[in-house]
């Protein structure tokens, strides 16, 4: 009985969800960059793999992706706390950057 209890406890520990403070992204145009965005410290390596550390602000995953793409460029993957955007969602996230008007654009 003790063995079954220990095995059940071990199973619960290994099935624990990923920490909520981390995020990851892959840039379509790789570059090395470090940036603090919405309370999360992003660090991207030369291969375009980006790791976001820190709690960040509470916001939907798609909004965080759009804000990331707006500052860092298009992505091929975006995830946070064990949740990853699908290919269709990645396409919408990247398209949001293309639809933005320049910040300093005046009337035409």
PDB file of N, CA and C in Angstrom:
ATOM      1  N   UNK A   1       0.828  -1.201   0.000  1.00  0.00           N
ATOM      2  CA  UNK A   1       0.000   0.000   0.000  1.00  0.00           C
ATOM      3  C   UNK A   1       0.869   1.260   0.000  1.00  0.00           C
ATOM      4  N   UNK A   2       1.945   1.231   0.785  1.00  0.00           N
ATOM      5  CA  UNK A   2       2.854   2.371   0.841  1.00  0.00           C
ATOM      6  C   UNK A   2       3.471   2.631  -0.534  1.00  0.00           C
ATOM      7  N   UNK A   3       3.803   1.553  -1.235  1.00  0.00           N
ATOM      8  CA  UNK A   3       4.403   1.696  -2.558  1.00  0.00           C
ATOM      9  C   UNK A   3       3.415   2.362  -3.526  1.00  0.00           C
ATOM     10  N   UNK A   4       2.150   1.979  -3.475  1.00  0.00           N
ATOM     11  CA  UNK A   4       1.146   2.589  -4.347  1.00  0.00           C
ATOM     12  C   UNK A   4       0.959   4.067  -4.038  1.00  0.00           C
ATOM     13  N   UNK A   5       0.980   4.418  -2.762  1.00  0.00           N
ATOM     14  CA  UNK A   5       0.842   5.812  -2.362  1.00  0.00           C
ATOM     15  C   UNK A   5       2.011   6.639  -2.880  1.00  0.00           C
ATOM     16  N   UNK A   6       3.229   6.113  -2.760  1.00  0.00           N
ATOM     17  CA  UNK A   6       4.410   6.827  -3.242  1.00  0.00           C
ATOM     18  C   UNK A   6       4.384   6.969  -4.761  1.00  0.00           C
ATOM     19  N   UNK A   7       3.944   5.937  -5.461  1.00  0.00           N
ATOM     20  CA  UNK A   7       3.862   6.016  -6.922  1.00  0.00           C
ATOM     21  C   UNK A   7       2.822   7.053  -7.351  1.00  0.00           C
ATOM     22  N   UNK A   8       1.702   7.125  -6.658  1.00  0.00           N
ATOM     23  CA  UNK A   8       0.673   8.114  -6.975  1.00  0.00           C
ATOM     24  C   UNK A   8       1.189   9.525  -6.730  1.00  0.00           C
ATOM     25  N   UNK A   9       1.904   9.711  -5.628  1.00  0.00           N
ATOM     26  CA  UNK A   9       2.462  11.033  -5.322  1.00  0.00           C
ATOM     27  C   UNK A   9       3.478  11.445  -6.374  1.00  0.00           C
ATOM     28  N   UNK A  10       4.310  10.522  -6.825  1.00  0.00           N
ATOM     29  CA  UNK A  10       5.301  10.813  -7.853  1.00  0.00           C
ATOM     30  C   UNK A  10       4.617  11.172  -9.168  1.00  0.00           C
ATOM     31  N   UNK A  11       3.559  10.470  -9.518  1.00  0.00           N
ATOM     32  CA  UNK A  11       2.819  10.744 -10.745  1.00  0.00           C
ATOM     33  C   UNK A  11       2.217  12.147 -10.721  1.00  0.00           C
ATOM     34  N   UNK A  12       1.707  12.577  -9.582  1.00  0.00           N
ATOM     35  CA  UNK A  12       1.126  13.913  -9.454  1.00  0.00           C
ATOM     36  C   UNK A  12       2.211  14.963  -9.615  1.00  0.00           C
ATOM     37  N   UNK A  13       3.385  14.738  -9.047  1.00  0.00           N
ATOM     38  CA  UNK A  13       4.467  15.709  -9.165  1.00  0.00           C
ATOM     39  C   UNK A  13       4.952  15.848 -10.591  1.00  0.00           C
ATOM     40  N   UNK A  14       5.070  14.748 -11.329  1.00  0.00           N
ATOM     41  CA  UNK A  14       5.566  14.840 -12.694  1.00  0.00           C
ATOM     42  C   UNK A  14       4.531  15.416 -13.642  1.00  0.00           C
ATOM     43  N   UNK A  15       3.268  15.406 -13.270  1.00  0.00           N
ATOM     44  CA  UNK A  15       2.219  15.958 -14.127  1.00  0.00           C
ATOM     45  C   UNK A  15       1.934  17.422 -13.815  1.00  0.00           C
ATOM     46  N   UNK A  16       2.749  18.026 -12.970  1.00  0.00           N
ATOM     47  CA  UNK A  16       2.525  19.423 -12.597  1.00  0.00           C
ATOM     48  C   UNK A  16       2.675  20.322 -13.815  1.00  0.00           C
ATOM     49  N   UNK A  17       1.873  21.384 -13.914  1.00  0.00           N
ATOM     50  CA  UNK A  17       1.958  22.286 -15.059  1.00  0.00           C
ATOM     51  C   UNK A  17       3.273  23.055 -15.069  1.00  0.00           C
ATOM     52  N   UNK A  18       3.624  23.545 -16.234  1.00  0.00           N
ATOM     53  CA  UNK A  18       4.837  24.341 -16.380  1.00  0.00           C
ATOM     54  C   UNK A  18       4.692  25.641 -15.607  1.00  0.00           C
ATOM     55  N   UNK A  19       5.807  26.230 -15.181  1.00  0.00           N
ATOM     56  CA  UNK A  19       5.726  27.506 -14.467  1.00  0.00           C
ATOM     57  C   UNK A  19       5.064  28.579 -15.322  1.00  0.00           C
ATOM     58  N   UNK A  20       4.357  29.494 -14.677  1.00  0.00           N
ATOM     59  CA  UNK A  20       3.624  30.524 -15.408  1.00  0.00           C
ATOM     60  C   UNK A  20       4.491  31.723 -15.778  1.00  0.00           C
ATOM     61  N   UNK A  21       5.739  31.753 -15.364  1.00  0.00           N
ATOM     62  CA  UNK A  21       6.537  32.942 -15.595  1.00  0.00           C
ATOM     63  C   UNK A  21       7.329  32.907 -16.894  1.00  0.00           C
ATOM     64  N   UNK A  22       7.388  31.787 -17.590  1.00  0.00           N
ATOM     65  CA  UNK A  22       8.223  31.702 -18.776  1.00  0.00           C
ATOM     66  C   UNK A  22       7.450  31.785 -20.072  1.00  0.00           C
ATOM     67  N   UNK A  23       8.135  32.246 -21.108  1.00  0.00           N
ATOM     68  CA  UNK A  23       7.559  32.327 -22.444  1.00  0.00           C
ATOM     69  C   UNK A  23       8.670  32.036 -23.442  1.00  0.00           C
ATOM     70  N   UNK A  24       8.281  31.670 -24.648  1.00  0.00           N
ATOM     71  CA  UNK A  24       9.254  31.371 -25.693  1.00  0.00           C
ATOM     72  C   UNK A  24       8.704  31.783 -27.044  1.00  0.00           C
ATOM     73  N   UNK A  25       9.605  32.148 -27.936  1.00  0.00           N
ATOM     74  CA  UNK A  25       9.222  32.525 -29.296  1.00  0.00           C
ATOM     75  C   UNK A  25      10.380  32.203 -30.231  1.00  0.00           C
ATOM     76  N   UNK A  26      10.073  32.081 -31.503  1.00  0.00           N
ATOM     77  CA  UNK A  26      11.095  31.878 -32.533  1.00  0.00           C
ATOM     78  C   UNK A  26      10.889  32.940 -33.607  1.00  0.00           C
ATOM     79  N   UNK A  27      11.906  33.756 -33.822  1.00  0.00           N
ATOM     80  CA  UNK A  27      11.831  34.824 -34.819  1.00  0.00           C
ATOM     81  C   UNK A  27      12.010  34.260 -36.225  1.00  0.00           C
ATOM     82  N   UNK A  28      11.248  34.775 -37.187  1.00  0.00           N
ATOM     83  CA  UNK A  28      11.422  34.362 -38.583  1.00  0.00           C
ATOM     84  C   UNK A  28      12.730  34.910 -39.154  1.00  0.00           C
ATOM     85  N   UNK A  29      13.118  36.096 -38.739  1.00  0.00           N
ATOM     86  CA  UNK A  29      14.387  36.684 -39.153  1.00  0.00           C
ATOM     87  C   UNK A  29      15.286  36.752 -37.918  1.00  0.00           C
ATOM     88  N   UNK A  30      16.089  35.712 -37.711  1.00  0.00           N
ATOM     89  CA  UNK A  30      16.899  35.613 -36.488  1.00  0.00           C
ATOM     90  C   UNK A  30      17.814  36.811 -36.282  1.00  0.00           C
ATOM     91  N   UNK A  31      17.907  37.207 -35.021  1.00  0.00           N
ATOM     92  CA  UNK A  31      18.844  38.260 -34.610  1.00  0.00           C
ATOM     93  C   UNK A  31      19.002  38.187 -33.113  1.00  0.00           C
ATOM     94  N   UNK A  32      20.132  38.648 -32.635  1.00  0.00           N
ATOM     95  CA  UNK A  32      20.367  38.690 -31.200  1.00  0.00           C
ATOM     96  C   UNK A  32      19.814  40.003 -30.669  1.00  0.00           C
ATOM     97  N   UNK A  33      19.002  39.907 -29.629  1.00  0.00           N
ATOM     98  CA  UNK A  33      18.401  41.108 -29.048  1.00  0.00           C
ATOM     99  C   UNK A  33      17.955  40.811 -27.628  1.00  0.00           C
ATOM    100  N   UNK A  34      18.002  41.820 -26.796  1.00  0.00           N
ATOM    101  CA  UNK A  34      17.470  41.725 -25.432  1.00  0.00           C
ATOM    102  C   UNK A  34      16.530  42.910 -25.240  1.00  0.00           C
ATOM    103  N   UNK A  35      15.373  42.627 -24.627  1.00  0.00           N
ATOM    104  CA  UNK A  35      14.352  43.657 -24.495  1.00  0.00           C
ATOM    105  C   UNK A  35      13.450  43.325 -23.314  1.00  0.00           C
ATOM    106  N   UNK A  36      13.023  44.347 -22.588  1.00  0.00           N
ATOM    107  CA  UNK A  36      11.996  44.163 -21.561  1.00  0.00           C
ATOM    108  C   UNK A  36      10.691  44.648 -22.177  1.00  0.00           C
ATOM    109  N   UNK A  37       9.729  43.738 -22.256  1.00  0.00           N
ATOM    110  CA  UNK A  37       8.441  44.066 -22.862  1.00  0.00           C
ATOM    111  C   UNK A  37       7.338  43.635 -21.918  1.00  0.00           C
ATOM    112  N   UNK A  38       6.556  44.573 -21.446  1.00  0.00           N
ATOM    113  CA  UNK A  38       5.421  44.293 -20.559  1.00  0.00           C
ATOM    114  C   UNK A  38       5.828  43.489 -19.329  1.00  0.00           C
ATOM    115  N   UNK A  39       6.968  43.815 -18.753  1.00  0.00           N
ATOM    116  CA  UNK A  39       7.409  43.164 -17.522  1.00  0.00           C
ATOM    117  C   UNK A  39       8.077  41.816 -17.725  1.00  0.00           C
ATOM    118  N   UNK A  40       8.319  41.417 -18.951  1.00  0.00           N
ATOM    119  CA  UNK A  40       9.001  40.158 -19.233  1.00  0.00           C
ATOM    120  C   UNK A  40      10.325  40.475 -19.928  1.00  0.00           C
ATOM    121  N   UNK A  41      11.417  39.895 -19.451  1.00  0.00           N
ATOM    122  CA  UNK A  41      12.734  40.096 -20.045  1.00  0.00           C
ATOM    123  C   UNK A  41      12.962  39.075 -21.149  1.00  0.00           C
ATOM    124  N   UNK A  42      13.040  39.557 -22.386  1.00  0.00           N
ATOM    125  CA  UNK A  42      13.241  38.698 -23.543  1.00  0.00           C
ATOM    126  C   UNK A  42      14.700  38.719 -23.955  1.00  0.00           C
ATOM    127  N   UNK A  43      15.202  37.543 -24.291  1.00  0.00           N
ATOM    128  CA  UNK A  43      16.558  37.401 -24.782  1.00  0.00           C
ATOM    129  C   UNK A  43      16.520  36.468 -25.991  1.00  0.00           C
ATOM    130  N   UNK A  44      16.960  36.970 -27.144  1.00  0.00           N
ATOM    131  CA  UNK A  44      16.943  36.183 -28.375  1.00  0.00           C
ATOM    132  C   UNK A  44      18.381  35.930 -28.824  1.00  0.00           C
ATOM    133  N   UNK A  45      18.665  34.679 -29.160  1.00  0.00           N
ATOM    134  CA  UNK A  45      19.992  34.283 -29.618  1.00  0.00           C
ATOM    135  C   UNK A  45      20.126  34.422 -31.119  1.00  0.00           C
ATOM    136  N   UNK A  46      21.312  34.160 -31.638  1.00  0.00           N
ATOM    137  CA  UNK A  46      21.569  34.339 -33.073  1.00  0.00           C
ATOM    138  C   UNK A  46      20.743  33.423 -33.969  1.00  0.00           C
ATOM    139  N   UNK A  47      20.218  32.319 -33.442  1.00  0.00           N
ATOM    140  CA  UNK A  47      19.383  31.410 -34.235  1.00  0.00           C
ATOM    141  C   UNK A  47      17.913  31.827 -34.222  1.00  0.00           C
ATOM    142  N   UNK A  48      17.577  32.891 -33.486  1.00  0.00           N
ATOM    143  CA  UNK A  48      16.203  33.377 -33.434  1.00  0.00           C
ATOM    144  C   UNK A  48      15.365  32.770 -32.329  1.00  0.00           C
ATOM    145  N   UNK A  49      15.952  31.922 -31.491  1.00  0.00           N
ATOM    146  CA  UNK A  49      15.235  31.345 -30.352  1.00  0.00           C
ATOM    147  C   UNK A  49      15.203  32.383 -29.235  1.00  0.00           C
ATOM    148  N   UNK A  50      14.015  32.713 -28.756  1.00  0.00           N
ATOM    149  CA  UNK A  50      13.841  33.737 -27.732  1.00  0.00           C
ATOM    150  C   UNK A  50      13.244  33.127 -26.471  1.00  0.00           C
ATOM    151  N   UNK A  51      13.771  33.551 -25.331  1.00  0.00           N
ATOM    152  CA  UNK A  51      13.242  33.115 -24.040  1.00  0.00           C
ATOM    153  C   UNK A  51      12.797  34.350 -23.282  1.00  0.00           C
ATOM    154  N   UNK A  52      11.584  34.303 -22.756  1.00  0.00           N
ATOM    155  CA  UNK A  52      11.036  35.396 -21.962  1.00  0.00           C
ATOM    156  C   UNK A  52      10.977  34.972 -20.509  1.00  0.00           C
ATOM    157  N   UNK A  53      11.643  35.722 -19.655  1.00  0.00           N
ATOM    158  CA  UNK A  53      11.675  35.392 -18.234  1.00  0.00           C
ATOM    159  C   UNK A  53      11.000  36.497 -17.438  1.00  0.00           C
ATOM    160  N   UNK A  54      10.358  36.092 -16.357  1.00  0.00           N
ATOM    161  CA  UNK A  54       9.655  37.037 -15.505  1.00  0.00           C
ATOM    162  C   UNK A  54       8.156  36.875 -15.689  1.00  0.00           C
ATOM    163  N   UNK A  55       7.416  37.435 -14.770  1.00  0.00           N
ATOM    164  CA  UNK A  55       5.972  37.259 -14.765  1.00  0.00           C
ATOM    165  C   UNK A  55       5.240  37.944 -15.897  1.00  0.00           C
ATOM    166  N   UNK A  56       5.707  39.088 -16.308  1.00  0.00           N
ATOM    167  CA  UNK A  56       4.994  39.827 -17.345  1.00  0.00           C
ATOM    168  C   UNK A  56       3.646  40.313 -16.848  1.00  0.00           C
ATOM    169  N   UNK A  57       2.992  41.096 -17.667  1.00  0.00           N
ATOM    170  CA  UNK A  57       1.665  41.586 -17.316  1.00  0.00           C
ATOM    171  C   UNK A  57       0.626  40.521 -17.673  1.00  0.00           C
ATOM    172  N   UNK A  58      -0.492  40.551 -16.985  1.00  0.00           N
ATOM    173  CA  UNK A  58      -1.563  39.602 -17.264  1.00  0.00           C
ATOM    174  C   UNK A  58      -2.297  40.048 -18.515  1.00  0.00           C
ATOM    175  N   UNK A  59      -2.213  39.232 -19.558  1.00  0.00           N
ATOM    176  CA  UNK A  59      -2.883  39.541 -20.811  1.00  0.00           C
ATOM    177  C   UNK A  59      -3.078  38.251 -21.601  1.00  0.00           C
ATOM    178  N   UNK A  60      -4.024  38.246 -22.530  1.00  0.00           N
ATOM    179  CA  UNK A  60      -4.226  37.059 -23.353  1.00  0.00           C
ATOM    180  C   UNK A  60      -2.973  36.734 -24.167  1.00  0.00           C
ATOM    181  N   UNK A  61      -2.787  35.462 -24.468  1.00  0.00           N
ATOM    182  CA  UNK A  61      -1.611  35.003 -25.202  1.00  0.00           C
ATOM    183  C   UNK A  61      -1.494  35.673 -26.566  1.00  0.00           C
ATOM    184  N   UNK A  62      -2.606  35.822 -27.284  1.00  0.00           N
ATOM    185  CA  UNK A  62      -2.566  36.458 -28.604  1.00  0.00           C
ATOM    186  C   UNK A  62      -2.119  37.915 -28.502  1.00  0.00           C
ATOM    187  N   UNK A  63      -2.599  38.635 -27.503  1.00  0.00           N
ATOM    188  CA  UNK A  63      -2.187  40.033 -27.339  1.00  0.00           C
ATOM    189  C   UNK A  63      -0.693  40.112 -27.056  1.00  0.00           C
ATOM    190  N   UNK A  64      -0.196  39.207 -26.199  1.00  0.00           N
ATOM    191  CA  UNK A  64       1.238  39.224 -25.898  1.00  0.00           C
ATOM    192  C   UNK A  64       2.039  38.938 -27.167  1.00  0.00           C
ATOM    193  N   UNK A  65       1.571  37.999 -27.984  1.00  0.00           N
ATOM    194  CA  UNK A  65       2.250  37.697 -29.238  1.00  0.00           C
ATOM    195  C   UNK A  65       2.257  38.922 -30.157  1.00  0.00           C
ATOM    196  N   UNK A  66       1.121  39.583 -30.286  1.00  0.00           N
ATOM    197  CA  UNK A  66       1.046  40.764 -31.161  1.00  0.00           C
ATOM    198  C   UNK A  66       1.987  41.867 -30.698  1.00  0.00           C
ATOM    199  N   UNK A  67       2.049  42.075 -29.387  1.00  0.00           N
ATOM    200  CA  UNK A  67       2.948  43.110 -28.862  1.00  0.00           C
ATOM    201  C   UNK A  67       4.412  42.714 -29.108  1.00  0.00           C
ATOM    202  N   UNK A  68       4.710  41.432 -28.948  1.00  0.00           N
ATOM    203  CA  UNK A  68       6.061  40.931 -29.200  1.00  0.00           C
ATOM    204  C   UNK A  68       6.426  41.140 -30.672  1.00  0.00           C
ATOM    205  N   UNK A  69       5.554  40.732 -31.569  1.00  0.00           N
ATOM    206  CA  UNK A  69       5.801  40.863 -33.006  1.00  0.00           C
ATOM    207  C   UNK A  69       5.957  42.332 -33.396  1.00  0.00           C
ATOM    208  N   UNK A  70       5.186  43.204 -32.783  1.00  0.00           N
ATOM    209  CA  UNK A  70       5.290  44.629 -33.067  1.00  0.00           C
ATOM    210  C   UNK A  70       6.656  45.212 -32.743  1.00  0.00           C
ATOM    211  N   UNK A  71       7.325  44.656 -31.753  1.00  0.00           N
ATOM    212  CA  UNK A  71       8.638  45.158 -31.351  1.00  0.00           C
ATOM    213  C   UNK A  71       9.796  44.346 -31.913  1.00  0.00           C
ATOM    214  N   UNK A  72       9.605  43.021 -32.062  1.00  0.00           N
ATOM    215  CA  UNK A  72      10.722  42.144 -32.411  1.00  0.00           C
ATOM    216  C   UNK A  72      10.677  41.618 -33.845  1.00  0.00           C
ATOM    217  N   UNK A  73       9.499  41.581 -34.452  1.00  0.00           N
ATOM    218  CA  UNK A  73       9.369  41.032 -35.790  1.00  0.00           C
ATOM    219  C   UNK A  73       8.561  39.742 -35.789  1.00  0.00           C
ATOM    220  N   UNK A  74       8.252  39.261 -36.982  1.00  0.00           N
ATOM    221  CA  UNK A  74       7.398  38.086 -37.162  1.00  0.00           C
ATOM    222  C   UNK A  74       8.001  36.838 -36.510  1.00  0.00           C
ATOM    223  N   UNK A  75       7.112  35.946 -36.099  1.00  0.00           N
ATOM    224  CA  UNK A  75       7.521  34.722 -35.403  1.00  0.00           C
ATOM    225  C   UNK A  75       6.984  33.487 -36.126  1.00  0.00           C
ATOM    226  N   UNK A  76       7.653  32.354 -35.873  1.00  0.00           N
ATOM    227  CA  UNK A  76       7.155  31.070 -36.375  1.00  0.00           C
ATOM    228  C   UNK A  76       6.581  30.243 -35.238  1.00  0.00           C
ATOM    229  N   UNK A  77       6.815  30.692 -33.985  1.00  0.00           N
ATOM    230  CA  UNK A  77       6.270  30.006 -32.809  1.00  0.00           C
ATOM    231  C   UNK A  77       6.177  31.004 -31.666  1.00  0.00           C
ATOM    232  N   UNK A  78       5.166  30.808 -30.818  1.00  0.00           N
ATOM    233  CA  UNK A  78       5.007  31.650 -29.629  1.00  0.00           C
ATOM    234  C   UNK A  78       4.267  30.840 -28.577  1.00  0.00           C
ATOM    235  N   UNK A  79       4.805  30.803 -27.362  1.00  0.00           N
ATOM    236  CA  UNK A  79       4.203  30.013 -26.285  1.00  0.00           C
ATOM    237  C   UNK A  79       4.453  30.692 -24.943  1.00  0.00           C
ATOM    238  N   UNK A  80       3.555  30.385 -23.995  1.00  0.00           N
ATOM    239  CA  UNK A  80       3.705  30.888 -22.628  1.00  0.00           C
ATOM    240  C   UNK A  80       3.030  29.903 -21.694  1.00  0.00           C
ATOM    241  N   UNK A  81       3.715  29.557 -20.625  1.00  0.00           N
ATOM    242  CA  UNK A  81       3.149  28.712 -19.561  1.00  0.00           C
ATOM    243  C   UNK A  81       2.514  27.434 -20.094  1.00  0.00           C
ATOM    244  N   UNK A  82       3.180  26.795 -21.043  1.00  0.00           N
ATOM    245  CA  UNK A  82       2.675  25.537 -21.568  1.00  0.00           C
ATOM    246  C   UNK A  82       1.600  25.677 -22.629  1.00  0.00           C
ATOM    247  N   UNK A  83       1.200  26.892 -22.973  1.00  0.00           N
ATOM    248  CA  UNK A  83       0.208  27.129 -24.032  1.00  0.00           C
ATOM    249  C   UNK A  83       0.930  27.683 -25.253  1.00  0.00           C
ATOM    250  N   UNK A  84       0.690  27.074 -26.411  1.00  0.00           N
ATOM    251  CA  UNK A  84       1.329  27.524 -27.641  1.00  0.00           C
ATOM    252  C   UNK A  84       0.269  27.915 -28.658  1.00  0.00           C
ATOM    253  N   UNK A  85       0.563  28.950 -29.429  1.00  0.00           N
ATOM    254  CA  UNK A  85      -0.348  29.351 -30.503  1.00  0.00           C
ATOM    255  C   UNK A  85      -0.266  28.335 -31.635  1.00  0.00           C
ATOM    256  N   UNK A  86      -1.399  28.103 -32.286  1.00  0.00           N
ATOM    257  CA  UNK A  86      -1.450  27.215 -33.444  1.00  0.00           C
ATOM    258  C   UNK A  86      -0.868  27.948 -34.660  1.00  0.00           C
ATOM    259  N   UNK A  87      -0.688  27.220 -35.767  1.00  0.00           N
ATOM    260  CA  UNK A  87      -0.183  27.848 -36.993  1.00  0.00           C
ATOM    261  C   UNK A  87      -1.110  28.963 -37.462  1.00  0.00           C
ATOM    262  N   UNK A  88      -2.414  28.729 -37.386  1.00  0.00           N
ATOM    263  CA  UNK A  88      -3.376  29.754 -37.806  1.00  0.00           C
ATOM    264  C   UNK A  88      -3.284  30.981 -36.891  1.00  0.00           C
ATOM    265  N   UNK A  89      -3.132  30.772 -35.603  1.00  0.00           N
ATOM    266  CA  UNK A  89      -3.009  31.889 -34.664  1.00  0.00           C
ATOM    267  C   UNK A  89      -1.699  32.643 -34.888  1.00  0.00           C
ATOM    268  N   UNK A  90      -0.620  31.924 -35.195  1.00  0.00           N
ATOM    269  CA  UNK A  90       0.660  32.576 -35.502  1.00  0.00           C
ATOM    270  C   UNK A  90       0.493  33.468 -36.729  1.00  0.00           C
ATOM    271  N   UNK A  91      -0.208  32.975 -37.744  1.00  0.00           N
ATOM    272  CA  UNK A  91      -0.449  33.781 -38.949  1.00  0.00           C
ATOM    273  C   UNK A  91      -1.220  35.050 -38.607  1.00  0.00           C
ATOM    274  N   UNK A  92      -2.242  34.940 -37.749  1.00  0.00           N
ATOM    275  CA  UNK A  92      -3.009  36.131 -37.327  1.00  0.00           C
ATOM    276  C   UNK A  92      -2.133  37.080 -36.524  1.00  0.00           C
ATOM    277  N   UNK A  93      -1.303  36.519 -35.671  1.00  0.00           N
ATOM    278  CA  UNK A  93      -0.411  37.357 -34.851  1.00  0.00           C
ATOM    279  C   UNK A  93       0.542  38.139 -35.752  1.00  0.00           C
ATOM    280  N   UNK A  94       1.163  37.464 -36.708  1.00  0.00           N
ATOM    281  CA  UNK A  94       2.092  38.129 -37.624  1.00  0.00           C
ATOM    282  C   UNK A  94       1.376  39.127 -38.524  1.00  0.00           C
ATOM    283  N   UNK A  95       0.152  38.829 -38.944  1.00  0.00           N
ATOM    284  CA  UNK A  95      -0.615  39.726 -39.813  1.00  0.00           C
ATOM    285  C   UNK A  95      -0.974  41.013 -39.086  1.00  0.00           C
ATOM    286  N   UNK A  96      -1.148  40.936 -37.787  1.00  0.00           N
ATOM    287  CA  UNK A  96      -1.495  42.126 -37.009  1.00  0.00           C
ATOM    288  C   UNK A  96      -0.395  43.172 -37.125  1.00  0.00           C
ATOM    289  N   UNK A  97       0.865  42.737 -37.222  1.00  0.00           N
ATOM    290  CA  UNK A  97       1.978  43.668 -37.356  1.00  0.00           C
ATOM    291  C   UNK A  97       1.925  44.359 -38.711  1.00  0.00           C
ATOM    292  N   UNK A  98       1.541  43.639 -39.754  1.00  0.00           N
ATOM    293  CA  UNK A  98       1.471  44.219 -41.099  1.00  0.00           C
ATOM    294  C   UNK A  98       0.334  45.219 -41.236  1.00  0.00           C
ATOM    295  N   UNK A  99      -0.713  45.067 -40.446  1.00  0.00           N
ATOM    296  CA  UNK A  99      -1.883  45.940 -40.556  1.00  0.00           C
ATOM    297  C   UNK A  99      -1.728  47.224 -39.751  1.00  0.00           C
ATOM    298  N   UNK A 100      -0.708  47.322 -38.930  1.00  0.00           N
ATOM    299  CA  UNK A 100      -0.540  48.496 -38.087  1.00  0.00           C
ATOM    300  C   UNK A 100      -0.126  49.719 -38.904  1.00  0.00           C
ATOM    301  N   UNK A 101      -0.642  50.848 -38.526  1.00  0.00           N
ATOM    302  CA  UNK A 101      -0.207  52.098 -39.122  1.00  0.00           C
ATOM    303  C   UNK A 101       1.032  52.570 -38.367  1.00  0.00           C
ATOM    304  N   UNK A 102       1.968  53.207 -39.034  1.00  0.00           N
ATOM    305  CA  UNK A 102       3.136  53.731 -38.339  1.00  0.00           C
ATOM    306  C   UNK A 102       2.708  54.683 -37.225  1.00  0.00           C
ATOM    307  N   UNK A 103       3.409  54.640 -36.105  1.00  0.00           N
ATOM    308  CA  UNK A 103       3.030  55.435 -34.928  1.00  0.00           C
ATOM    309  C   UNK A 103       3.058  56.934 -35.205  1.00  0.00           C
ATOM    310  N   UNK A 104       4.010  57.389 -35.968  1.00  0.00           N
ATOM    311  CA  UNK A 104       4.165  58.826 -36.181  1.00  0.00           C
ATOM    312  C   UNK A 104       3.558  59.293 -37.503  1.00  0.00           C
ATOM    313  N   UNK A 105       2.699  58.471 -38.068  1.00  0.00           N
ATOM    314  CA  UNK A 105       2.095  58.841 -39.358  1.00  0.00           C
ATOM    315  C   UNK A 105       1.077  59.964 -39.156  1.00  0.00           C
ATOM    316  N   UNK A 106       1.190  60.955 -39.934  1.00  0.00           N
ATOM    317  CA  UNK A 106       0.251  62.065 -39.886  1.00  0.00           C
ATOM    318  C   UNK A 106      -0.850  61.853 -40.903  1.00  0.00           C
ATOM    319  N   UNK A 107      -1.805  62.782 -41.003  1.00  0.00           N
ATOM    320  CA  UNK A 107      -2.869  62.660 -41.991  1.00  0.00           C
ATOM    321  C   UNK A 107      -2.306  62.667 -43.407  1.00  0.00           C
ATOM    322  N   UNK A 108      -2.916  61.922 -44.288  1.00  0.00           N
ATOM    323  CA  UNK A 108      -2.430  61.834 -45.680  1.00  0.00           C
ATOM    324  C   UNK A 108      -2.850  63.017 -46.492  1.00  0.00           C
TER     325      UNK A 108
END
